[in-house]
Amino acid sequence: KKSYGDTEGDYPVQRYFILDVENASAFEAAYTKFQNAHPLNTRVVLMGNITSGISPEGENHWVLSGYADFKAAMGGTDAMLTAAQRKARDAAWKNFEENNGGVRMIRSGTRFRMGKW
């Protein structure tokens, strides 16, 4: 499991992505390189692998992005960037896509944490 960004903040709105990753080492290296090049200070991103259960879809990894509110979650990271920052981030994302070892999105969604125990 890896984390990027503000791991001490409270981010109750979460977007999740369930993935089928062909080469886990390449995926982790490329994703870490991308996240390190674009540090997060207004959200958190967590990444890990699925260790129990199976389905015919082949999912084996997950990524979760936490946001402070629905507005931030629906706008995504790009909503908080300048045009020049978006252009640089898009170029870095293209590099990630070319070097991620093969990834297929199985499903994604948004959830809201109702409480903490």
N, C-alpha and C. Protein backbone atom coordinates (compact mmCIF):
# COMPACT_ATOMS: atom_id res chain seq x y z
N LYS A 1 0.85 -1.18 0.00
CA LYS A 1 0.00 0.00 0.00
C LYS A 1 0.89 1.23 0.00
N LYS A 2 0.51 2.24 -0.79
CA LYS A 2 1.25 3.50 -0.88
C LYS A 2 0.27 4.65 -0.68
N SER A 3 0.80 5.76 -0.21
CA SER A 3 -0.04 6.95 -0.07
C SER A 3 0.73 8.17 -0.57
N TYR A 4 -0.03 9.12 -1.08
CA TYR A 4 0.54 10.35 -1.63
C TYR A 4 -0.32 11.52 -1.15
N GLY A 5 0.30 12.65 -0.90
CA GLY A 5 -0.46 13.83 -0.52
C GLY A 5 -0.62 13.99 0.98
N ASP A 6 -1.69 14.64 1.36
CA ASP A 6 -1.96 14.99 2.75
C ASP A 6 -2.60 13.81 3.48
N THR A 7 -1.79 12.96 4.07
CA THR A 7 -2.30 11.77 4.76
C THR A 7 -2.85 12.08 6.15
N GLU A 8 -2.68 13.29 6.63
CA GLU A 8 -3.19 13.67 7.95
C GLU A 8 -4.54 14.38 7.88
N GLY A 9 -4.96 14.80 6.70
CA GLY A 9 -6.21 15.54 6.55
C GLY A 9 -7.43 14.65 6.62
N ASP A 10 -8.60 15.27 6.62
CA ASP A 10 -9.88 14.56 6.65
C ASP A 10 -10.53 14.69 5.28
N TYR A 11 -10.69 13.59 4.59
CA TYR A 11 -11.20 13.60 3.22
C TYR A 11 -12.36 12.60 3.10
N PRO A 12 -13.57 13.01 3.48
CA PRO A 12 -14.71 12.09 3.52
C PRO A 12 -15.29 11.73 2.16
N VAL A 13 -15.06 12.54 1.13
CA VAL A 13 -15.55 12.22 -0.21
C VAL A 13 -14.42 11.52 -0.95
N GLN A 14 -14.72 10.32 -1.44
CA GLN A 14 -13.66 9.49 -2.01
C GLN A 14 -14.08 8.94 -3.37
N ARG A 15 -13.18 9.07 -4.32
CA ARG A 15 -13.37 8.45 -5.63
C ARG A 15 -12.47 7.22 -5.67
N TYR A 16 -13.06 6.09 -6.07
CA TYR A 16 -12.28 4.85 -6.11
C TYR A 16 -12.21 4.31 -7.53
N PHE A 17 -11.11 3.62 -7.79
CA PHE A 17 -10.85 3.02 -9.09
C PHE A 17 -10.37 1.59 -8.85
N ILE A 18 -11.06 0.63 -9.43
CA ILE A 18 -10.69 -0.78 -9.32
C ILE A 18 -10.06 -1.17 -10.66
N LEU A 19 -8.84 -1.71 -10.59
CA LEU A 19 -8.02 -1.90 -11.79
C LEU A 19 -7.55 -3.33 -11.97
N ASP A 20 -7.32 -3.71 -13.21
CA ASP A 20 -6.63 -4.94 -13.57
C ASP A 20 -5.26 -4.51 -14.09
N VAL A 21 -4.23 -4.74 -13.27
CA VAL A 21 -2.86 -4.30 -13.58
C VAL A 21 -2.07 -5.51 -14.06
N GLU A 22 -1.46 -5.43 -15.23
CA GLU A 22 -0.67 -6.54 -15.76
C GLU A 22 0.70 -6.65 -15.10
N ASN A 23 1.40 -5.53 -14.93
CA ASN A 23 2.74 -5.54 -14.35
C ASN A 23 2.73 -4.60 -13.14
N ALA A 24 2.57 -5.19 -11.95
CA ALA A 24 2.42 -4.39 -10.73
C ALA A 24 3.63 -3.51 -10.44
N SER A 25 4.82 -4.01 -10.66
CA SER A 25 6.03 -3.23 -10.40
C SER A 25 6.12 -2.00 -11.30
N ALA A 26 5.83 -2.20 -12.59
CA ALA A 26 5.85 -1.07 -13.53
C ALA A 26 4.76 -0.06 -13.19
N PHE A 27 3.58 -0.55 -12.82
CA PHE A 27 2.48 0.34 -12.45
C PHE A 27 2.84 1.18 -11.24
N GLU A 28 3.34 0.54 -10.19
CA GLU A 28 3.69 1.28 -8.97
C GLU A 28 4.79 2.30 -9.24
N ALA A 29 5.81 1.92 -10.00
CA ALA A 29 6.90 2.85 -10.29
C ALA A 29 6.40 4.05 -11.11
N ALA A 30 5.60 3.80 -12.13
CA ALA A 30 5.09 4.88 -12.98
C ALA A 30 4.12 5.78 -12.21
N TYR A 31 3.27 5.19 -11.37
CA TYR A 31 2.30 5.99 -10.61
C TYR A 31 3.01 6.82 -9.55
N THR A 32 4.00 6.24 -8.90
CA THR A 32 4.77 6.99 -7.90
C THR A 32 5.52 8.15 -8.55
N LYS A 33 6.11 7.90 -9.72
CA LYS A 33 6.81 8.97 -10.44
C LYS A 33 5.84 10.11 -10.78
N PHE A 34 4.65 9.76 -11.26
CA PHE A 34 3.65 10.77 -11.59
C PHE A 34 3.24 11.56 -10.35
N GLN A 35 2.92 10.86 -9.27
CA GLN A 35 2.46 11.54 -8.05
C GLN A 35 3.56 12.42 -7.45
N ASN A 36 4.80 11.94 -7.47
CA ASN A 36 5.91 12.73 -6.92
C ASN A 36 6.17 13.99 -7.75
N ALA A 37 5.90 13.94 -9.04
CA ALA A 37 6.11 15.10 -9.90
C ALA A 37 5.01 16.15 -9.70
N HIS A 38 3.89 15.73 -9.13
CA HIS A 38 2.74 16.63 -8.92
C HIS A 38 2.24 16.46 -7.49
N PRO A 39 2.98 16.99 -6.52
CA PRO A 39 2.62 16.81 -5.11
C PRO A 39 1.21 17.32 -4.80
N LEU A 40 0.56 16.63 -3.89
CA LEU A 40 -0.80 16.97 -3.49
C LEU A 40 -0.78 17.62 -2.12
N ASN A 41 -1.50 18.71 -1.95
CA ASN A 41 -1.62 19.27 -0.61
C ASN A 41 -3.06 19.53 -0.22
N THR A 42 -3.99 19.25 -1.12
CA THR A 42 -5.40 19.46 -0.82
C THR A 42 -6.22 18.18 -0.91
N ARG A 43 -5.55 17.05 -0.99
CA ARG A 43 -6.24 15.76 -1.03
C ARG A 43 -5.23 14.66 -0.75
N VAL A 44 -5.72 13.45 -0.73
CA VAL A 44 -4.86 12.30 -0.51
C VAL A 44 -5.17 11.24 -1.58
N VAL A 45 -4.17 10.49 -1.97
CA VAL A 45 -4.35 9.36 -2.88
C VAL A 45 -3.71 8.15 -2.23
N LEU A 46 -4.46 7.06 -2.20
CA LEU A 46 -3.97 5.79 -1.67
C LEU A 46 -4.02 4.77 -2.80
N MET A 47 -3.10 3.81 -2.76
CA MET A 47 -3.03 2.78 -3.79
C MET A 47 -2.65 1.47 -3.11
N GLY A 48 -3.24 0.37 -3.57
CA GLY A 48 -2.88 -0.92 -3.01
C GLY A 48 -3.36 -2.05 -3.91
N ASN A 49 -3.09 -3.27 -3.47
CA ASN A 49 -3.53 -4.43 -4.24
C ASN A 49 -4.61 -5.18 -3.47
N ILE A 50 -5.44 -5.89 -4.21
CA ILE A 50 -6.52 -6.67 -3.63
C ILE A 50 -5.95 -8.02 -3.25
N THR A 51 -6.14 -8.41 -2.00
CA THR A 51 -5.50 -9.62 -1.49
C THR A 51 -6.47 -10.77 -1.23
N SER A 52 -7.77 -10.54 -1.31
CA SER A 52 -8.70 -11.65 -1.10
C SER A 52 -9.91 -11.48 -2.01
N GLY A 53 -10.50 -12.60 -2.36
CA GLY A 53 -11.65 -12.59 -3.25
C GLY A 53 -11.24 -12.60 -4.70
N ILE A 54 -12.11 -13.12 -5.54
CA ILE A 54 -11.86 -13.16 -6.98
C ILE A 54 -13.14 -12.82 -7.73
N SER A 55 -13.00 -12.39 -8.94
CA SER A 55 -14.14 -12.18 -9.83
C SER A 55 -13.67 -12.47 -11.24
N PRO A 56 -14.59 -12.63 -12.16
CA PRO A 56 -14.18 -12.89 -13.55
C PRO A 56 -13.54 -11.69 -14.24
N GLU A 57 -13.61 -10.52 -13.63
CA GLU A 57 -13.05 -9.31 -14.24
C GLU A 57 -11.54 -9.20 -14.10
N GLY A 58 -10.95 -9.88 -13.12
CA GLY A 58 -9.50 -9.87 -12.97
C GLY A 58 -8.92 -8.71 -12.20
N GLU A 59 -9.74 -7.96 -11.47
CA GLU A 59 -9.21 -6.82 -10.73
C GLU A 59 -8.21 -7.27 -9.67
N ASN A 60 -7.14 -6.48 -9.52
CA ASN A 60 -6.10 -6.85 -8.57
C ASN A 60 -5.49 -5.64 -7.86
N HIS A 61 -5.89 -4.42 -8.22
CA HIS A 61 -5.39 -3.20 -7.58
C HIS A 61 -6.51 -2.19 -7.41
N TRP A 62 -6.31 -1.28 -6.49
CA TRP A 62 -7.26 -0.19 -6.27
C TRP A 62 -6.51 1.12 -6.06
N VAL A 63 -7.15 2.20 -6.41
CA VAL A 63 -6.66 3.56 -6.14
C VAL A 63 -7.83 4.33 -5.57
N LEU A 64 -7.58 5.07 -4.50
CA LEU A 64 -8.62 5.86 -3.85
C LEU A 64 -8.11 7.29 -3.70
N SER A 65 -8.89 8.25 -4.20
CA SER A 65 -8.56 9.67 -4.06
C SER A 65 -9.55 10.29 -3.08
N GLY A 66 -9.03 10.91 -2.02
CA GLY A 66 -9.89 11.53 -1.02
C GLY A 66 -9.94 13.03 -1.18
N TYR A 67 -11.14 13.59 -1.04
CA TYR A 67 -11.37 15.03 -1.19
C TYR A 67 -12.12 15.56 0.03
N ALA A 68 -11.97 16.85 0.28
CA ALA A 68 -12.62 17.48 1.43
C ALA A 68 -14.12 17.62 1.25
N ASP A 69 -14.58 17.77 -0.01
CA ASP A 69 -16.01 17.97 -0.26
C ASP A 69 -16.36 17.51 -1.67
N PHE A 70 -17.67 17.48 -1.97
CA PHE A 70 -18.12 17.02 -3.29
C PHE A 70 -17.65 17.94 -4.41
N LYS A 71 -17.59 19.24 -4.18
CA LYS A 71 -17.15 20.17 -5.22
C LYS A 71 -15.74 19.83 -5.68
N ALA A 72 -14.85 19.59 -4.73
CA ALA A 72 -13.47 19.22 -5.08
C ALA A 72 -13.43 17.88 -5.80
N ALA A 73 -14.23 16.92 -5.35
CA ALA A 73 -14.23 15.59 -5.96
C ALA A 73 -14.76 15.64 -7.40
N MET A 74 -15.81 16.40 -7.64
CA MET A 74 -16.38 16.46 -8.98
C MET A 74 -15.49 17.28 -9.92
N GLY A 75 -14.83 18.31 -9.41
CA GLY A 75 -13.92 19.11 -10.23
C GLY A 75 -12.62 18.38 -10.52
N GLY A 76 -12.24 17.48 -9.62
CA GLY A 76 -10.99 16.75 -9.78
C GLY A 76 -9.78 17.63 -9.58
N THR A 77 -8.64 17.06 -9.75
CA THR A 77 -7.40 17.78 -9.54
C THR A 77 -7.23 18.94 -10.50
N ASP A 78 -7.66 18.77 -11.73
CA ASP A 78 -7.48 19.82 -12.74
C ASP A 78 -8.17 21.12 -12.38
N ALA A 79 -9.25 21.06 -11.62
CA ALA A 79 -10.00 22.27 -11.26
C ALA A 79 -9.17 23.22 -10.41
N MET A 80 -8.15 22.70 -9.76
CA MET A 80 -7.34 23.52 -8.86
C MET A 80 -6.03 23.99 -9.51
N LEU A 81 -5.86 23.72 -10.81
CA LEU A 81 -4.60 24.03 -11.48
C LEU A 81 -4.76 25.15 -12.50
N THR A 82 -3.66 25.83 -12.77
CA THR A 82 -3.63 26.83 -13.85
C THR A 82 -3.54 26.08 -15.18
N ALA A 83 -3.71 26.79 -16.27
CA ALA A 83 -3.61 26.18 -17.60
C ALA A 83 -2.23 25.57 -17.82
N ALA A 84 -1.18 26.26 -17.41
CA ALA A 84 0.18 25.73 -17.57
C ALA A 84 0.40 24.48 -16.72
N GLN A 85 -0.14 24.49 -15.50
CA GLN A 85 -0.01 23.31 -14.64
C GLN A 85 -0.77 22.13 -15.22
N ARG A 86 -1.96 22.38 -15.78
CA ARG A 86 -2.74 21.30 -16.41
C ARG A 86 -1.99 20.71 -17.59
N LYS A 87 -1.35 21.57 -18.39
CA LYS A 87 -0.59 21.09 -19.55
C LYS A 87 0.56 20.19 -19.10
N ALA A 88 1.29 20.60 -18.08
CA ALA A 88 2.41 19.79 -17.56
C ALA A 88 1.89 18.49 -16.97
N ARG A 89 0.79 18.55 -16.24
CA ARG A 89 0.21 17.35 -15.64
C ARG A 89 -0.29 16.38 -16.72
N ASP A 90 -0.91 16.91 -17.77
CA ASP A 90 -1.37 16.07 -18.87
C ASP A 90 -0.21 15.35 -19.55
N ALA A 91 0.91 16.05 -19.74
CA ALA A 91 2.10 15.43 -20.35
C ALA A 91 2.64 14.33 -19.44
N ALA A 92 2.67 14.58 -18.14
CA ALA A 92 3.15 13.57 -17.19
C ALA A 92 2.20 12.37 -17.16
N TRP A 93 0.89 12.62 -17.26
CA TRP A 93 -0.08 11.52 -17.27
C TRP A 93 0.09 10.67 -18.53
N LYS A 94 0.36 11.31 -19.65
CA LYS A 94 0.60 10.56 -20.89
C LYS A 94 1.81 9.65 -20.72
N ASN A 95 2.86 10.16 -20.08
CA ASN A 95 4.05 9.35 -19.80
C ASN A 95 3.69 8.18 -18.90
N PHE A 96 2.86 8.42 -17.89
CA PHE A 96 2.40 7.33 -17.00
C PHE A 96 1.67 6.27 -17.81
N GLU A 97 0.76 6.69 -18.68
CA GLU A 97 -0.01 5.74 -19.47
C GLU A 97 0.88 4.89 -20.38
N GLU A 98 1.97 5.47 -20.87
CA GLU A 98 2.88 4.75 -21.76
C GLU A 98 3.80 3.80 -21.01
N ASN A 99 3.95 3.99 -19.70
CA ASN A 99 4.92 3.21 -18.92
C ASN A 99 4.33 2.50 -17.72
N ASN A 100 3.01 2.32 -17.67
CA ASN A 100 2.39 1.76 -16.47
C ASN A 100 2.30 0.24 -16.45
N GLY A 101 2.82 -0.42 -17.44
CA GLY A 101 2.84 -1.88 -17.43
C GLY A 101 1.54 -2.53 -17.86
N GLY A 102 0.59 -1.77 -18.31
CA GLY A 102 -0.69 -2.31 -18.77
C GLY A 102 -1.74 -2.28 -17.67
N VAL A 103 -2.72 -1.40 -17.82
CA VAL A 103 -3.77 -1.25 -16.82
C VAL A 103 -5.12 -1.17 -17.53
N ARG A 104 -6.09 -1.89 -16.97
CA ARG A 104 -7.46 -1.83 -17.48
C ARG A 104 -8.38 -1.44 -16.33
N MET A 105 -9.19 -0.41 -16.53
CA MET A 105 -10.15 0.01 -15.51
C MET A 105 -11.31 -0.97 -15.47
N ILE A 106 -11.60 -1.49 -14.30
CA ILE A 106 -12.73 -2.41 -14.13
C ILE A 106 -13.98 -1.63 -13.72
N ARG A 107 -13.84 -0.78 -12.72
CA ARG A 107 -14.96 0.05 -12.29
C ARG A 107 -14.45 1.24 -11.51
N SER A 108 -15.30 2.24 -11.37
CA SER A 108 -14.96 3.40 -10.56
C SER A 108 -16.25 3.94 -9.96
N GLY A 109 -16.11 4.76 -8.95
CA GLY A 109 -17.28 5.34 -8.32
C GLY A 109 -16.87 6.38 -7.29
N THR A 110 -17.87 6.96 -6.66
CA THR A 110 -17.66 7.94 -5.61
C THR A 110 -18.41 7.48 -4.38
N ARG A 111 -17.80 7.63 -3.22
CA ARG A 111 -18.45 7.25 -1.97
C ARG A 111 -18.23 8.36 -0.95
N PHE A 112 -19.07 8.37 0.06
CA PHE A 112 -18.99 9.37 1.12
C PHE A 112 -18.87 8.66 2.46
N ARG A 113 -17.83 8.98 3.20
CA ARG A 113 -17.64 8.38 4.53
C ARG A 113 -18.59 9.06 5.50
N MET A 114 -19.47 8.28 6.12
CA MET A 114 -20.49 8.82 7.02
C MET A 114 -19.95 9.09 8.42
N GLY A 115 -18.92 8.38 8.83
CA GLY A 115 -18.40 8.58 10.18
C GLY A 115 -17.04 7.92 10.35
N LYS A 116 -16.43 8.17 11.51
CA LYS A 116 -15.14 7.56 11.84
C LYS A 116 -15.26 6.95 13.22
N TRP A 117 -14.64 5.79 13.39
CA TRP A 117 -14.65 5.14 14.69
C TRP A 117 -13.24 4.96 15.17
